[in-house]
């Protein structure tokens, strides 16, 4: 697991919420759904750069708090008539630990 970085425990991310992981190039929002599925996206909406971590998680999407764009958590793609995509990061849960595929990271 050398190319994976432990970034949180499952309990650190609220159900239907997010937690931010900061790295050299910005912020990654780690999301948790009602079904305890975990996703990681760049913390910037593709529309105007809104903080996705402050949005509302519902189903498999997050709604940006600035202009209500809905972003698919699995793909980072804007939904409906909106177009755009935010970067997605590979994430996995092992036991209660959440890991991201290595990025240029800082604690």
C-alpha atoms as a PDB file:
ATOM      1  CA  UNK A   1       0.000   0.000   0.000  1.00  0.00           C
ATOM      2  CA  UNK A   2       2.967   2.330  -0.570  1.00  0.00           C
ATOM      3  CA  UNK A   3       1.024   4.395  -3.087  1.00  0.00           C
ATOM      4  CA  UNK A   4      -1.915   4.941  -0.702  1.00  0.00           C
ATOM      5  CA  UNK A   5      -2.079   7.592   2.016  1.00  0.00           C
ATOM      6  CA  UNK A   6      -4.253   7.253   5.118  1.00  0.00           C
ATOM      7  CA  UNK A   7      -6.232  10.498   5.320  1.00  0.00           C
ATOM      8  CA  UNK A   8      -8.982   9.842   7.877  1.00  0.00           C
ATOM      9  CA  UNK A   9     -11.074   7.324   9.688  1.00  0.00           C
ATOM     10  CA  UNK A  10     -14.630   6.641   8.588  1.00  0.00           C
ATOM     11  CA  UNK A  11     -15.937   8.189  11.824  1.00  0.00           C
ATOM     12  CA  UNK A  12     -14.123  11.458  10.934  1.00  0.00           C
ATOM     13  CA  UNK A  13     -16.433  12.005   7.947  1.00  0.00           C
ATOM     14  CA  UNK A  14     -20.062  12.643   8.903  1.00  0.00           C
ATOM     15  CA  UNK A  15     -22.785  10.649   7.158  1.00  0.00           C
ATOM     16  CA  UNK A  16     -24.093  12.815   4.282  1.00  0.00           C
ATOM     17  CA  UNK A  17     -21.148  15.147   4.840  1.00  0.00           C
ATOM     18  CA  UNK A  18     -17.533  15.791   3.963  1.00  0.00           C
ATOM     19  CA  UNK A  19     -14.078  16.335   5.380  1.00  0.00           C
ATOM     20  CA  UNK A  20     -11.229  18.237   3.709  1.00  0.00           C
ATOM     21  CA  UNK A  21      -7.776  16.799   3.059  1.00  0.00           C
ATOM     22  CA  UNK A  22      -5.228  19.472   2.129  1.00  0.00           C
ATOM     23  CA  UNK A  23      -2.307  18.755  -0.214  1.00  0.00           C
ATOM     24  CA  UNK A  24       0.284  20.787  -2.118  1.00  0.00           C
ATOM     25  CA  UNK A  25      -2.029  21.573  -5.014  1.00  0.00           C
ATOM     26  CA  UNK A  26      -5.243  22.326  -3.132  1.00  0.00           C
ATOM     27  CA  UNK A  27      -7.975  20.565  -1.226  1.00  0.00           C
ATOM     28  CA  UNK A  28      -9.649  17.204  -1.656  1.00  0.00           C
ATOM     29  CA  UNK A  29     -13.178  16.787  -0.310  1.00  0.00           C
ATOM     30  CA  UNK A  30     -13.850  13.325   1.098  1.00  0.00           C
ATOM     31  CA  UNK A  31     -17.578  12.533   1.055  1.00  0.00           C
ATOM     32  CA  UNK A  32     -19.613   9.867   2.865  1.00  0.00           C
ATOM     33  CA  UNK A  33     -23.062   8.824   1.686  1.00  0.00           C
ATOM     34  CA  UNK A  34     -25.954   7.440   3.743  1.00  0.00           C
ATOM     35  CA  UNK A  35     -24.840   3.955   2.613  1.00  0.00           C
ATOM     36  CA  UNK A  36     -21.299   4.610   3.978  1.00  0.00           C
ATOM     37  CA  UNK A  37     -19.806   4.804   0.479  1.00  0.00           C
ATOM     38  CA  UNK A  38     -16.791   7.119   0.381  1.00  0.00           C
ATOM     39  CA  UNK A  39     -15.762   9.349  -2.540  1.00  0.00           C
ATOM     40  CA  UNK A  40     -13.057  11.971  -3.071  1.00  0.00           C
ATOM     41  CA  UNK A  41     -13.249  15.001  -5.364  1.00  0.00           C
ATOM     42  CA  UNK A  42     -11.347  18.222  -5.871  1.00  0.00           C
ATOM     43  CA  UNK A  43     -12.990  20.660  -3.442  1.00  0.00           C
ATOM     44  CA  UNK A  44     -13.857  23.092  -6.257  1.00  0.00           C
ATOM     45  CA  UNK A  45     -17.069  23.082  -8.248  1.00  0.00           C
ATOM     46  CA  UNK A  46     -16.395  23.141 -12.015  1.00  0.00           C
ATOM     47  CA  UNK A  47     -18.802  26.089 -12.361  1.00  0.00           C
ATOM     48  CA  UNK A  48     -17.365  28.910 -10.212  1.00  0.00           C
ATOM     49  CA  UNK A  49     -15.013  27.047  -7.872  1.00  0.00           C
ATOM     50  CA  UNK A  50     -17.456  26.763  -4.966  1.00  0.00           C
ATOM     51  CA  UNK A  51     -16.416  24.624  -1.972  1.00  0.00           C
ATOM     52  CA  UNK A  52     -18.071  21.263  -2.642  1.00  0.00           C
ATOM     53  CA  UNK A  53     -17.246  20.096   0.900  1.00  0.00           C
ATOM     54  CA  UNK A  54     -19.814  22.629   2.156  1.00  0.00           C
ATOM     55  CA  UNK A  55     -22.526  21.276  -0.140  1.00  0.00           C
ATOM     56  CA  UNK A  56     -25.406  18.928   0.573  1.00  0.00           C
ATOM     57  CA  UNK A  57     -24.758  15.221  -0.058  1.00  0.00           C
ATOM     58  CA  UNK A  58     -27.795  13.326  -1.363  1.00  0.00           C
ATOM     59  CA  UNK A  59     -27.829   9.917  -2.969  1.00  0.00           C
ATOM     60  CA  UNK A  60     -24.641   9.743  -5.015  1.00  0.00           C
ATOM     61  CA  UNK A  61     -24.346  13.491  -5.565  1.00  0.00           C
ATOM     62  CA  UNK A  62     -23.299  16.695  -3.842  1.00  0.00           C
ATOM     63  CA  UNK A  63     -25.002  20.030  -4.497  1.00  0.00           C
ATOM     64  CA  UNK A  64     -22.634  22.994  -4.647  1.00  0.00           C
ATOM     65  CA  UNK A  65     -23.552  25.604  -2.018  1.00  0.00           C
ATOM     66  CA  UNK A  66     -22.974  28.557  -4.373  1.00  0.00           C
ATOM     67  CA  UNK A  67     -25.202  27.922  -7.388  1.00  0.00           C
ATOM     68  CA  UNK A  68     -26.850  24.534  -6.730  1.00  0.00           C
ATOM     69  CA  UNK A  69     -24.904  22.596  -9.347  1.00  0.00           C
ATOM     70  CA  UNK A  70     -25.240  18.864  -8.727  1.00  0.00           C
ATOM     71  CA  UNK A  71     -22.001  16.905  -9.035  1.00  0.00           C
ATOM     72  CA  UNK A  72     -21.868  13.102  -9.304  1.00  0.00           C
ATOM     73  CA  UNK A  73     -19.621  11.790  -6.511  1.00  0.00           C
ATOM     74  CA  UNK A  74     -18.416   8.769  -8.516  1.00  0.00           C
ATOM     75  CA  UNK A  75     -17.410  10.659 -11.671  1.00  0.00           C
ATOM     76  CA  UNK A  76     -17.088  14.347 -10.734  1.00  0.00           C
ATOM     77  CA  UNK A  77     -19.413  15.195 -13.652  1.00  0.00           C
ATOM     78  CA  UNK A  78     -22.029  17.954 -13.427  1.00  0.00           C
ATOM     79  CA  UNK A  79     -25.579  16.605 -13.722  1.00  0.00           C
ATOM     80  CA  UNK A  80     -28.663  17.759 -15.603  1.00  0.00           C
ATOM     81  CA  UNK A  81     -28.261  20.597 -18.096  1.00  0.00           C
ATOM     82  CA  UNK A  82     -24.991  21.759 -16.477  1.00  0.00           C
ATOM     83  CA  UNK A  83     -21.680  20.719 -18.014  1.00  0.00           C
ATOM     84  CA  UNK A  84     -18.268  20.410 -16.451  1.00  0.00           C
ATOM     85  CA  UNK A  85     -16.243  18.073 -14.314  1.00  0.00           C
ATOM     86  CA  UNK A  86     -14.145  18.271 -11.177  1.00  0.00           C
ATOM     87  CA  UNK A  87     -11.171  15.981 -10.612  1.00  0.00           C
ATOM     88  CA  UNK A  88     -11.923  12.664  -8.933  1.00  0.00           C
ATOM     89  CA  UNK A  89      -9.454  10.851  -6.687  1.00  0.00           C
ATOM     90  CA  UNK A  90      -9.221   7.131  -6.062  1.00  0.00           C
ATOM     91  CA  UNK A  91     -10.271   6.285  -2.507  1.00  0.00           C
ATOM     92  CA  UNK A  92     -10.731   3.089  -0.520  1.00  0.00           C
ATOM     93  CA  UNK A  93     -11.821   2.101   2.967  1.00  0.00           C
ATOM     94  CA  UNK A  94      -9.905  -0.607   4.814  1.00  0.00           C
ATOM     95  CA  UNK A  95     -11.590  -1.456   8.091  1.00  0.00           C
ATOM     96  CA  UNK A  96     -12.308   1.999   9.521  1.00  0.00           C
ATOM     97  CA  UNK A  97      -9.425   3.755   7.704  1.00  0.00           C
ATOM     98  CA  UNK A  98      -9.859   5.902   4.578  1.00  0.00           C
ATOM     99  CA  UNK A  99      -7.003   5.933   2.064  1.00  0.00           C
ATOM    100  CA  UNK A 100      -6.376   8.094  -1.024  1.00  0.00           C
ATOM    101  CA  UNK A 101      -4.179   7.053  -3.916  1.00  0.00           C
ATOM    102  CA  UNK A 102      -0.988   9.060  -3.372  1.00  0.00           C
ATOM    103  CA  UNK A 103      -1.028  12.718  -4.406  1.00  0.00           C
ATOM    104  CA  UNK A 104       1.565  15.393  -3.645  1.00  0.00           C
ATOM    105  CA  UNK A 105       0.473  15.419  -0.047  1.00  0.00           C
ATOM    106  CA  UNK A 106       1.043  17.420   3.089  1.00  0.00           C
ATOM    107  CA  UNK A 107      -0.565  16.859   6.451  1.00  0.00           C
END
